[in-house]
Structure formats: structure tokens, C-alpha cells
Amino acid sequence: MIGYIGEDQMLDTIKYFVVIVDAFGDGVSSSPSNSVSQPGKLFPEFSIKDMVDAQYQMLTEKLGIKHLYAVTGISMGGMQTFQWMMSYPDFLTRQRQLLVRLY
């Protein structure tokens, strides 16, 4: 996503405050491939919803954010975007227009 962030980019940092989350399970964050205490099959199973719930908790409880303008992502981040719309529709400004485009 770094290539899409900055002045005059899709995620314009002059106009918006941008938060990038490295979701758990992707190999850079806590994942089965790098966990010392829970490697491989010992790593807990989790879903896209679990990822979004953890992101929501981080935003609201740790960062004190009460509302987001929009959520976007590529690849698995795109699936997380759909989950955000389903789990927290009132937390997002742009969710209604995104839902309309799905039909």
C-alpha cells in the first residue's frame, strides 16, 4: 500500500490521517511462521473477522479513534474491507456507497 500513500495519491496524507495495519498471520506480524511460543500448528486459528475485530479494538481502545472515513486494502486487505462493512458499518463514512457498488 505504500505506493498509494502520500500527497496527491489515492490515500492523500495531506487530506487524511492514514493508519496502516500489518494484520496478524501474514508473516511480518505475529504468525505461525515466526512465533517462538506458538510455531506452526500451535498457532491459534483465526479468521478475517478476528483480524478486523483486533483492528477495531486497536483503533478504538488504544488510539481513541471513534470513526473512520474509509477502509481499503489489496488482496487479503480487500477481504478485510468487506468484513469491516459487515461488522462495523456505522464506524465507516464511505461504507454505504461501497455496499451499493457491490450489487
PDB file of N, CA and C in Angstrom:
ATOM      1  N   MET A   1       0.809  -1.203   0.000  1.00  0.00           N
ATOM      2  CA  MET A   1       0.000   0.000   0.000  1.00  0.00           C
ATOM      3  C   MET A   1       0.852   1.266   0.000  1.00  0.00           C
ATOM      4  N   ILE A   2       2.128   1.139   0.313  1.00  0.00           N
ATOM      5  CA  ILE A   2       2.984   2.328   0.425  1.00  0.00           C
ATOM      6  C   ILE A   2       2.946   3.170  -0.861  1.00  0.00           C
ATOM      7  N   GLY A   3       2.891   2.534  -2.017  1.00  0.00           N
ATOM      8  CA  GLY A   3       2.857   3.265  -3.283  1.00  0.00           C
ATOM      9  C   GLY A   3       1.601   4.089  -3.499  1.00  0.00           C
ATOM     10  N   TYR A   4       0.560   3.833  -2.720  1.00  0.00           N
ATOM     11  CA  TYR A   4      -0.712   4.545  -2.840  1.00  0.00           C
ATOM     12  C   TYR A   4      -0.874   5.646  -1.796  1.00  0.00           C
ATOM     13  N   ILE A   5       0.155   5.851  -0.968  1.00  0.00           N
ATOM     14  CA  ILE A   5       0.045   6.785   0.151  1.00  0.00           C
ATOM     15  C   ILE A   5       0.948   7.992  -0.064  1.00  0.00           C
ATOM     16  N   GLY A   6       0.389   9.186   0.113  1.00  0.00           N
ATOM     17  CA  GLY A   6       1.166  10.411   0.007  1.00  0.00           C
ATOM     18  C   GLY A   6       0.356  11.505  -0.652  1.00  0.00           C
ATOM     19  N   GLU A   7       0.929  12.687  -0.716  1.00  0.00           N
ATOM     20  CA  GLU A   7       0.244  13.822  -1.325  1.00  0.00           C
ATOM     21  C   GLU A   7      -0.140  13.491  -2.765  1.00  0.00           C
ATOM     22  N   ASP A   8      -1.384  13.781  -3.117  1.00  0.00           N
ATOM     23  CA  ASP A   8      -1.942  13.548  -4.455  1.00  0.00           C
ATOM     24  C   ASP A   8      -2.015  12.069  -4.838  1.00  0.00           C
ATOM     25  N   GLN A   9      -1.929  11.177  -3.877  1.00  0.00           N
ATOM     26  CA  GLN A   9      -2.089   9.741  -4.131  1.00  0.00           C
ATOM     27  C   GLN A   9      -3.501   9.309  -3.731  1.00  0.00           C
ATOM     28  N   MET A  10      -3.839   8.035  -3.940  1.00  0.00           N
ATOM     29  CA  MET A  10      -5.154   7.520  -3.565  1.00  0.00           C
ATOM     30  C   MET A  10      -5.449   7.785  -2.089  1.00  0.00           C
ATOM     31  N   LEU A  11      -4.458   7.567  -1.235  1.00  0.00           N
ATOM     32  CA  LEU A  11      -4.591   7.839   0.196  1.00  0.00           C
ATOM     33  C   LEU A  11      -3.767   9.093   0.492  1.00  0.00           C
ATOM     34  N   ASP A  12      -4.391  10.230   0.272  1.00  0.00           N
ATOM     35  CA  ASP A  12      -3.720  11.530   0.369  1.00  0.00           C
ATOM     36  C   ASP A  12      -3.487  11.910   1.828  1.00  0.00           C
ATOM     37  N   THR A  13      -2.234  11.918   2.238  1.00  0.00           N
ATOM     38  CA  THR A  13      -1.892  12.219   3.632  1.00  0.00           C
ATOM     39  C   THR A  13      -1.985  13.707   3.965  1.00  0.00           C
ATOM     40  N   ILE A  14      -2.188  14.537   2.979  1.00  0.00           N
ATOM     41  CA  ILE A  14      -2.441  15.954   3.233  1.00  0.00           C
ATOM     42  C   ILE A  14      -3.905  16.123   3.659  1.00  0.00           C
ATOM     43  N   LYS A  15      -4.778  15.324   3.060  1.00  0.00           N
ATOM     44  CA  LYS A  15      -6.213  15.413   3.317  1.00  0.00           C
ATOM     45  C   LYS A  15      -6.664  14.486   4.451  1.00  0.00           C
ATOM     46  N   TYR A  16      -6.011  13.334   4.620  1.00  0.00           N
ATOM     47  CA  TYR A  16      -6.455  12.320   5.584  1.00  0.00           C
ATOM     48  C   TYR A  16      -5.309  11.846   6.471  1.00  0.00           C
ATOM     49  N   PHE A  17      -5.657  11.418   7.664  1.00  0.00           N
ATOM     50  CA  PHE A  17      -4.729  10.710   8.548  1.00  0.00           C
ATOM     51  C   PHE A  17      -4.845   9.240   8.170  1.00  0.00           C
ATOM     52  N   VAL A  18      -3.759   8.619   7.778  1.00  0.00           N
ATOM     53  CA  VAL A  18      -3.776   7.245   7.275  1.00  0.00           C
ATOM     54  C   VAL A  18      -3.168   6.312   8.319  1.00  0.00           C
ATOM     55  N   VAL A  19      -3.879   5.233   8.616  1.00  0.00           N
ATOM     56  CA  VAL A  19      -3.390   4.199   9.529  1.00  0.00           C
ATOM     57  C   VAL A  19      -3.206   2.931   8.712  1.00  0.00           C
ATOM     58  N   ILE A  20      -2.013   2.368   8.757  1.00  0.00           N
ATOM     59  CA  ILE A  20      -1.730   1.112   8.056  1.00  0.00           C
ATOM     60  C   ILE A  20      -1.527   0.036   9.106  1.00  0.00           C
ATOM     61  N   VAL A  21      -2.260  -1.067   8.960  1.00  0.00           N
ATOM     62  CA  VAL A  21      -2.183  -2.158   9.927  1.00  0.00           C
ATOM     63  C   VAL A  21      -1.563  -3.372   9.257  1.00  0.00           C
ATOM     64  N   ASP A  22      -0.573  -3.938   9.913  1.00  0.00           N
ATOM     65  CA  ASP A  22       0.015  -5.202   9.467  1.00  0.00           C
ATOM     66  C   ASP A  22      -0.738  -6.302  10.208  1.00  0.00           C
ATOM     67  N   ALA A  23      -1.729  -6.873   9.556  1.00  0.00           N
ATOM     68  CA  ALA A  23      -2.600  -7.863  10.199  1.00  0.00           C
ATOM     69  C   ALA A  23      -1.816  -9.092  10.642  1.00  0.00           C
ATOM     70  N   PHE A  24      -2.234  -9.643  11.781  1.00  0.00           N
ATOM     71  CA  PHE A  24      -1.527 -10.827  12.253  1.00  0.00           C
ATOM     72  C   PHE A  24      -1.760 -11.997  11.304  1.00  0.00           C
ATOM     73  N   GLY A  25      -0.766 -12.861  11.269  1.00  0.00           N
ATOM     74  CA  GLY A  25      -0.834 -14.041  10.433  1.00  0.00           C
ATOM     75  C   GLY A  25      -0.191 -13.896   9.073  1.00  0.00           C
ATOM     76  N   ASP A  26       0.358 -12.724   8.743  1.00  0.00           N
ATOM     77  CA  ASP A  26       0.904 -12.556   7.392  1.00  0.00           C
ATOM     78  C   ASP A  26       2.405 -12.794   7.277  1.00  0.00           C
ATOM     79  N   GLY A  27       3.063 -13.152   8.339  1.00  0.00           N
ATOM     80  CA  GLY A  27       4.493 -13.441   8.269  1.00  0.00           C
ATOM     81  C   GLY A  27       5.367 -12.327   8.792  1.00  0.00           C
ATOM     82  N   VAL A  28       4.918 -11.078   8.707  1.00  0.00           N
ATOM     83  CA  VAL A  28       5.677  -9.963   9.261  1.00  0.00           C
ATOM     84  C   VAL A  28       5.205  -9.696  10.685  1.00  0.00           C
ATOM     85  N   SER A  29       3.891  -9.723  10.868  1.00  0.00           N
ATOM     86  CA  SER A  29       3.305  -9.603  12.201  1.00  0.00           C
ATOM     87  C   SER A  29       3.404 -10.975  12.875  1.00  0.00           C
ATOM     88  N   SER A  30       2.739 -11.152  13.979  1.00  0.00           N
ATOM     89  CA  SER A  30       2.728 -12.445  14.662  1.00  0.00           C
ATOM     90  C   SER A  30       2.046 -13.475  13.766  1.00  0.00           C
ATOM     91  N   SER A  31       2.749 -14.571  13.478  1.00  0.00           N
ATOM     92  CA  SER A  31       2.214 -15.565  12.557  1.00  0.00           C
ATOM     93  C   SER A  31       2.769 -16.950  12.878  1.00  0.00           C
ATOM     94  N   PRO A  32       2.204 -17.991  12.276  1.00  0.00           N
ATOM     95  CA  PRO A  32       2.703 -19.349  12.518  1.00  0.00           C
ATOM     96  C   PRO A  32       4.172 -19.526  12.124  1.00  0.00           C
ATOM     97  N   SER A  33       4.624 -18.740  11.148  1.00  0.00           N
ATOM     98  CA  SER A  33       6.000 -18.906  10.662  1.00  0.00           C
ATOM     99  C   SER A  33       7.043 -18.184  11.502  1.00  0.00           C
ATOM    100  N   ASN A  34       6.638 -17.246  12.376  1.00  0.00           N
ATOM    101  CA  ASN A  34       7.655 -16.532  13.158  1.00  0.00           C
ATOM    102  C   ASN A  34       7.404 -16.535  14.662  1.00  0.00           C
ATOM    103  N   SER A  35       6.349 -17.200  15.115  1.00  0.00           N
ATOM    104  CA  SER A  35       6.054 -17.228  16.555  1.00  0.00           C
ATOM    105  C   SER A  35       6.967 -18.222  17.264  1.00  0.00           C
ATOM    106  N   VAL A  36       7.677 -17.766  18.283  1.00  0.00           N
ATOM    107  CA  VAL A  36       8.560 -18.637  19.054  1.00  0.00           C
ATOM    108  C   VAL A  36       7.744 -19.514  19.995  1.00  0.00           C
ATOM    109  N   SER A  37       6.726 -18.930  20.638  1.00  0.00           N
ATOM    110  CA  SER A  37       5.957 -19.681  21.632  1.00  0.00           C
ATOM    111  C   SER A  37       4.831 -20.525  21.021  1.00  0.00           C
ATOM    112  N   GLN A  38       4.370 -20.168  19.792  1.00  0.00           N
ATOM    113  CA  GLN A  38       3.282 -20.900  19.145  1.00  0.00           C
ATOM    114  C   GLN A  38       3.591 -21.111  17.660  1.00  0.00           C
ATOM    115  N   PRO A  39       4.645 -21.840  17.328  1.00  0.00           N
ATOM    116  CA  PRO A  39       5.011 -22.007  15.917  1.00  0.00           C
ATOM    117  C   PRO A  39       4.109 -23.005  15.186  1.00  0.00           C
ATOM    118  N   GLY A  40       4.015 -22.841  13.888  1.00  0.00           N
ATOM    119  CA  GLY A  40       3.312 -23.799  13.038  1.00  0.00           C
ATOM    120  C   GLY A  40       1.889 -24.064  13.481  1.00  0.00           C
ATOM    121  N   LYS A  41       1.581 -25.362  13.657  1.00  0.00           N
ATOM    122  CA  LYS A  41       0.219 -25.776  14.017  1.00  0.00           C
ATOM    123  C   LYS A  41      -0.174 -25.387  15.436  1.00  0.00           C
ATOM    124  N   LEU A  42       0.775 -24.951  16.258  1.00  0.00           N
ATOM    125  CA  LEU A  42       0.453 -24.486  17.605  1.00  0.00           C
ATOM    126  C   LEU A  42      -0.136 -23.076  17.596  1.00  0.00           C
ATOM    127  N   PHE A  43       0.007 -22.382  16.466  1.00  0.00           N
ATOM    128  CA  PHE A  43      -0.530 -21.023  16.354  1.00  0.00           C
ATOM    129  C   PHE A  43      -2.055 -21.099  16.304  1.00  0.00           C
ATOM    130  N   PRO A  44      -2.757 -20.252  17.062  1.00  0.00           N
ATOM    131  CA  PRO A  44      -4.228 -20.294  17.076  1.00  0.00           C
ATOM    132  C   PRO A  44      -4.832 -20.039  15.699  1.00  0.00           C
ATOM    133  N   GLU A  45      -5.911 -20.739  15.392  1.00  0.00           N
ATOM    134  CA  GLU A  45      -6.641 -20.457  14.160  1.00  0.00           C
ATOM    135  C   GLU A  45      -7.359 -19.124  14.310  1.00  0.00           C
ATOM    136  N   PHE A  46      -7.473 -18.372  13.202  1.00  0.00           N
ATOM    137  CA  PHE A  46      -8.153 -17.083  13.225  1.00  0.00           C
ATOM    138  C   PHE A  46      -8.777 -16.839  11.873  1.00  0.00           C
ATOM    139  N   SER A  47      -9.736 -15.942  11.861  1.00  0.00           N
ATOM    140  CA  SER A  47     -10.471 -15.624  10.640  1.00  0.00           C
ATOM    141  C   SER A  47     -10.248 -14.163  10.240  1.00  0.00           C
ATOM    142  N   ILE A  48     -10.762 -13.808   9.073  1.00  0.00           N
ATOM    143  CA  ILE A  48     -10.740 -12.408   8.637  1.00  0.00           C
ATOM    144  C   ILE A  48     -11.488 -11.554   9.660  1.00  0.00           C
ATOM    145  N   LYS A  49     -12.598 -12.072  10.185  1.00  0.00           N
ATOM    146  CA  LYS A  49     -13.358 -11.339  11.209  1.00  0.00           C
ATOM    147  C   LYS A  49     -12.507 -11.109  12.449  1.00  0.00           C
ATOM    148  N   ASP A  50     -11.722 -12.105  12.869  1.00  0.00           N
ATOM    149  CA  ASP A  50     -10.828 -11.928  14.020  1.00  0.00           C
ATOM    150  C   ASP A  50      -9.835 -10.792  13.759  1.00  0.00           C
ATOM    151  N   MET A  51      -9.299 -10.727  12.532  1.00  0.00           N
ATOM    152  CA  MET A  51      -8.359  -9.659  12.175  1.00  0.00           C
ATOM    153  C   MET A  51      -9.024  -8.292  12.305  1.00  0.00           C
ATOM    154  N   VAL A  52     -10.230  -8.173  11.743  1.00  0.00           N
ATOM    155  CA  VAL A  52     -10.950  -6.896  11.765  1.00  0.00           C
ATOM    156  C   VAL A  52     -11.334  -6.523  13.196  1.00  0.00           C
ATOM    157  N   ASP A  53     -11.777  -7.492  13.979  1.00  0.00           N
ATOM    158  CA  ASP A  53     -12.114  -7.210  15.374  1.00  0.00           C
ATOM    159  C   ASP A  53     -10.893  -6.701  16.143  1.00  0.00           C
ATOM    160  N   ALA A  54      -9.724  -7.281  15.882  1.00  0.00           N
ATOM    161  CA  ALA A  54      -8.493  -6.824  16.540  1.00  0.00           C
ATOM    162  C   ALA A  54      -8.128  -5.412  16.081  1.00  0.00           C
ATOM    163  N   GLN A  55      -8.316  -5.114  14.799  1.00  0.00           N
ATOM    164  CA  GLN A  55      -8.034  -3.777  14.288  1.00  0.00           C
ATOM    165  C   GLN A  55      -8.990  -2.755  14.905  1.00  0.00           C
ATOM    166  N   TYR A  56     -10.261  -3.115  14.997  1.00  0.00           N
ATOM    167  CA  TYR A  56     -11.253  -2.231  15.618  1.00  0.00           C
ATOM    168  C   TYR A  56     -10.879  -1.953  17.077  1.00  0.00           C
ATOM    169  N   GLN A  57     -10.485  -2.996  17.787  1.00  0.00           N
ATOM    170  CA  GLN A  57     -10.089  -2.842  19.193  1.00  0.00           C
ATOM    171  C   GLN A  57      -8.871  -1.933  19.310  1.00  0.00           C
ATOM    172  N   MET A  58      -7.888  -2.110  18.435  1.00  0.00           N
ATOM    173  CA  MET A  58      -6.698  -1.261  18.456  1.00  0.00           C
ATOM    174  C   MET A  58      -7.068   0.202  18.203  1.00  0.00           C
ATOM    175  N   LEU A  59      -7.896   0.437  17.175  1.00  0.00           N
ATOM    176  CA  LEU A  59      -8.280   1.803  16.828  1.00  0.00           C
ATOM    177  C   LEU A  59      -9.066   2.485  17.942  1.00  0.00           C
ATOM    178  N   THR A  60     -10.039   1.777  18.500  1.00  0.00           N
ATOM    179  CA  THR A  60     -10.926   2.396  19.485  1.00  0.00           C
ATOM    180  C   THR A  60     -10.330   2.447  20.883  1.00  0.00           C
ATOM    181  N   GLU A  61      -9.716   1.355  21.330  1.00  0.00           N
ATOM    182  CA  GLU A  61      -9.223   1.292  22.707  1.00  0.00           C
ATOM    183  C   GLU A  61      -7.808   1.837  22.880  1.00  0.00           C
ATOM    184  N   LYS A  62      -6.962   1.651  21.894  1.00  0.00           N
ATOM    185  CA  LYS A  62      -5.560   2.100  22.027  1.00  0.00           C
ATOM    186  C   LYS A  62      -5.321   3.475  21.415  1.00  0.00           C
ATOM    187  N   LEU A  63      -5.956   3.750  20.277  1.00  0.00           N
ATOM    188  CA  LEU A  63      -5.739   5.028  19.600  1.00  0.00           C
ATOM    189  C   LEU A  63      -6.856   6.033  19.846  1.00  0.00           C
ATOM    190  N   GLY A  64      -7.966   5.601  20.446  1.00  0.00           N
ATOM    191  CA  GLY A  64      -9.066   6.508  20.754  1.00  0.00           C
ATOM    192  C   GLY A  64      -9.827   7.014  19.542  1.00  0.00           C
ATOM    193  N   ILE A  65      -9.768   6.298  18.431  1.00  0.00           N
ATOM    194  CA  ILE A  65     -10.459   6.703  17.210  1.00  0.00           C
ATOM    195  C   ILE A  65     -11.911   6.246  17.286  1.00  0.00           C
ATOM    196  N   LYS A  66     -12.825   7.152  17.000  1.00  0.00           N
ATOM    197  CA  LYS A  66     -14.250   6.859  17.127  1.00  0.00           C
ATOM    198  C   LYS A  66     -14.945   6.644  15.786  1.00  0.00           C
ATOM    199  N   HIS A  67     -14.275   6.980  14.690  1.00  0.00           N
ATOM    200  CA  HIS A  67     -14.901   6.878  13.376  1.00  0.00           C
ATOM    201  C   HIS A  67     -13.822   6.867  12.300  1.00  0.00           C
ATOM    202  N   LEU A  68     -14.069   6.150  11.216  1.00  0.00           N
ATOM    203  CA  LEU A  68     -13.171   6.143  10.070  1.00  0.00           C
ATOM    204  C   LEU A  68     -13.895   6.677   8.851  1.00  0.00           C
ATOM    205  N   TYR A  69     -13.175   7.391   8.023  1.00  0.00           N
ATOM    206  CA  TYR A  69     -13.766   7.857   6.766  1.00  0.00           C
ATOM    207  C   TYR A  69     -13.955   6.675   5.820  1.00  0.00           C
ATOM    208  N   ALA A  70     -12.919   5.845   5.691  1.00  0.00           N
ATOM    209  CA  ALA A  70     -12.984   4.711   4.773  1.00  0.00           C
ATOM    210  C   ALA A  70     -11.946   3.665   5.176  1.00  0.00           C
ATOM    211  N   VAL A  71     -12.148   2.461   4.689  1.00  0.00           N
ATOM    212  CA  VAL A  71     -11.197   1.363   4.852  1.00  0.00           C
ATOM    213  C   VAL A  71     -10.929   0.821   3.464  1.00  0.00           C
ATOM    214  N   THR A  72      -9.683   0.524   3.176  1.00  0.00           N
ATOM    215  CA  THR A  72      -9.336  -0.043   1.883  1.00  0.00           C
ATOM    216  C   THR A  72      -8.213  -1.054   2.068  1.00  0.00           C
ATOM    217  N   GLY A  73      -8.024  -1.866   1.078  1.00  0.00           N
ATOM    218  CA  GLY A  73      -6.939  -2.837   1.144  1.00  0.00           C
ATOM    219  C   GLY A  73      -6.820  -3.595  -0.166  1.00  0.00           C
ATOM    220  N   ILE A  74      -5.691  -4.251  -0.340  1.00  0.00           N
ATOM    221  CA  ILE A  74      -5.474  -5.090  -1.512  1.00  0.00           C
ATOM    222  C   ILE A  74      -5.308  -6.529  -1.045  1.00  0.00           C
ATOM    223  N   SER A  75      -5.636  -7.462  -1.888  1.00  0.00           N
ATOM    224  CA  SER A  75      -5.520  -8.887  -1.584  1.00  0.00           C
ATOM    225  C   SER A  75      -6.336  -9.218  -0.335  1.00  0.00           C
ATOM    226  N   MET A  76      -5.729  -9.763   0.698  1.00  0.00           N
ATOM    227  CA  MET A  76      -6.461 -10.091   1.920  1.00  0.00           C
ATOM    228  C   MET A  76      -7.033  -8.828   2.565  1.00  0.00           C
ATOM    229  N   GLY A  77      -6.397  -7.691   2.345  1.00  0.00           N
ATOM    230  CA  GLY A  77      -6.929  -6.425   2.844  1.00  0.00           C
ATOM    231  C   GLY A  77      -8.267  -6.078   2.213  1.00  0.00           C
ATOM    232  N   GLY A  78      -8.488  -6.504   0.983  1.00  0.00           N
ATOM    233  CA  GLY A  78      -9.784  -6.319   0.343  1.00  0.00           C
ATOM    234  C   GLY A  78     -10.859  -7.131   1.040  1.00  0.00           C
ATOM    235  N   MET A  79     -10.517  -8.362   1.428  1.00  0.00           N
ATOM    236  CA  MET A  79     -11.476  -9.182   2.170  1.00  0.00           C
ATOM    237  C   MET A  79     -11.764  -8.559   3.532  1.00  0.00           C
ATOM    238  N   GLN A  80     -10.739  -7.986   4.148  1.00  0.00           N
ATOM    239  CA  GLN A  80     -10.945  -7.312   5.428  1.00  0.00           C
ATOM    240  C   GLN A  80     -11.855  -6.103   5.259  1.00  0.00           C
ATOM    241  N   THR A  81     -11.751  -5.410   4.128  1.00  0.00           N
ATOM    242  CA  THR A  81     -12.612  -4.258   3.864  1.00  0.00           C
ATOM    243  C   THR A  81     -14.078  -4.677   3.855  1.00  0.00           C
ATOM    244  N   PHE A  82     -14.387  -5.785   3.185  1.00  0.00           N
ATOM    245  CA  PHE A  82     -15.769  -6.278   3.182  1.00  0.00           C
ATOM    246  C   PHE A  82     -16.217  -6.638   4.594  1.00  0.00           C
ATOM    247  N   GLN A  83     -15.317  -7.232   5.388  1.00  0.00           N
ATOM    248  CA  GLN A  83     -15.669  -7.589   6.762  1.00  0.00           C
ATOM    249  C   GLN A  83     -15.920  -6.341   7.604  1.00  0.00           C
ATOM    250  N   TRP A  84     -15.121  -5.290   7.393  1.00  0.00           N
ATOM    251  CA  TRP A  84     -15.351  -4.025   8.095  1.00  0.00           C
ATOM    252  C   TRP A  84     -16.767  -3.520   7.812  1.00  0.00           C
ATOM    253  N   MET A  85     -17.191  -3.578   6.544  1.00  0.00           N
ATOM    254  CA  MET A  85     -18.525  -3.080   6.177  1.00  0.00           C
ATOM    255  C   MET A  85     -19.621  -3.892   6.862  1.00  0.00           C
ATOM    256  N   MET A  86     -19.395  -5.179   7.024  1.00  0.00           N
ATOM    257  CA  MET A  86     -20.401  -6.035   7.643  1.00  0.00           C
ATOM    258  C   MET A  86     -20.385  -5.919   9.173  1.00  0.00           C
ATOM    259  N   SER A  87     -19.212  -5.860   9.770  1.00  0.00           N
ATOM    260  CA  SER A  87     -19.100  -5.869  11.232  1.00  0.00           C
ATOM    261  C   SER A  87     -19.294  -4.497  11.869  1.00  0.00           C
ATOM    262  N   TYR A  88     -18.826  -3.450  11.211  1.00  0.00           N
ATOM    263  CA  TYR A  88     -18.847  -2.103  11.800  1.00  0.00           C
ATOM    264  C   TYR A  88     -19.343  -1.065  10.803  1.00  0.00           C
ATOM    265  N   PRO A  89     -20.531  -1.241  10.229  1.00  0.00           N
ATOM    266  CA  PRO A  89     -20.991  -0.312   9.183  1.00  0.00           C
ATOM    267  C   PRO A  89     -21.136   1.129   9.659  1.00  0.00           C
ATOM    268  N   ASP A  90     -21.506   1.347  10.910  1.00  0.00           N
ATOM    269  CA  ASP A  90     -21.678   2.709  11.410  1.00  0.00           C
ATOM    270  C   ASP A  90     -20.363   3.380  11.783  1.00  0.00           C
ATOM    271  N   PHE A  91     -19.278   2.625  11.767  1.00  0.00           N
ATOM    272  CA  PHE A  91     -17.958   3.157  12.088  1.00  0.00           C
ATOM    273  C   PHE A  91     -17.314   3.797  10.854  1.00  0.00           C
ATOM    274  N   LEU A  92     -17.865   3.521   9.666  1.00  0.00           N
ATOM    275  CA  LEU A  92     -17.279   3.978   8.405  1.00  0.00           C
ATOM    276  C   LEU A  92     -18.192   4.981   7.709  1.00  0.00           C
ATOM    277  N   THR A  93     -17.633   6.071   7.216  1.00  0.00           N
ATOM    278  CA  THR A  93     -18.402   7.049   6.456  1.00  0.00           C
ATOM    279  C   THR A  93     -18.761   6.515   5.083  1.00  0.00           C
ATOM    280  N   ARG A  94     -17.825   5.899   4.395  1.00  0.00           N
ATOM    281  CA  ARG A  94     -17.996   5.536   2.997  1.00  0.00           C
ATOM    282  C   ARG A  94     -18.637   4.168   2.766  1.00  0.00           C
ATOM    283  N   GLN A  95     -19.006   3.454   3.768  1.00  0.00           N
ATOM    284  CA  GLN A  95     -19.496   2.093   3.589  1.00  0.00           C
ATOM    285  C   GLN A  95     -20.769   2.021   2.748  1.00  0.00           C
ATOM    286  N   ARG A  96     -21.666   2.973   2.850  1.00  0.00           N
ATOM    287  CA  ARG A  96     -22.915   2.894   2.097  1.00  0.00           C
ATOM    288  C   ARG A  96     -22.663   2.904   0.591  1.00  0.00           C
ATOM    289  N   GLN A  97     -21.794   3.781   0.133  1.00  0.00           N
ATOM    290  CA  GLN A  97     -21.513   3.851  -1.289  1.00  0.00           C
ATOM    291  C   GLN A  97     -20.795   2.594  -1.759  1.00  0.00           C
ATOM    292  N   LEU A  98     -19.934   2.038  -0.919  1.00  0.00           N
ATOM    293  CA  LEU A  98     -19.251   0.808  -1.297  1.00  0.00           C
ATOM    294  C   LEU A  98     -20.234  -0.349  -1.385  1.00  0.00           C
ATOM    295  N   LEU A  99     -21.179  -0.438  -0.466  1.00  0.00           N
ATOM    296  CA  LEU A  99     -22.169  -1.504  -0.499  1.00  0.00           C
ATOM    297  C   LEU A  99     -23.061  -1.409  -1.733  1.00  0.00           C
ATOM    298  N   VAL A 100     -23.421  -0.209  -2.131  1.00  0.00           N
ATOM    299  CA  VAL A 100     -24.254  -0.021  -3.308  1.00  0.00           C
ATOM    300  C   VAL A 100     -23.539  -0.557  -4.539  1.00  0.00           C
ATOM    301  N   ARG A 101     -22.250  -0.356  -4.641  1.00  0.00           N
ATOM    302  CA  ARG A 101     -21.487  -0.811  -5.808  1.00  0.00           C
ATOM    303  C   ARG A 101     -21.359  -2.326  -5.868  1.00  0.00           C
ATOM    304  N   LEU A 102     -21.601  -3.014  -4.771  1.00  0.00           N
ATOM    305  CA  LEU A 102     -21.482  -4.463  -4.752  1.00  0.00           C
ATOM    306  C   LEU A 102     -22.654  -5.146  -5.419  1.00  0.00           C
ATOM    307  N   TYR A 103     -23.786  -4.476  -5.502  1.00  0.00           N
ATOM    308  CA  TYR A 103     -24.992  -5.122  -6.022  1.00  0.00           C
ATOM    309  C   TYR A 103     -25.120  -4.977  -7.503  1.00  0.00           C
TER     310      TYR A 103
END
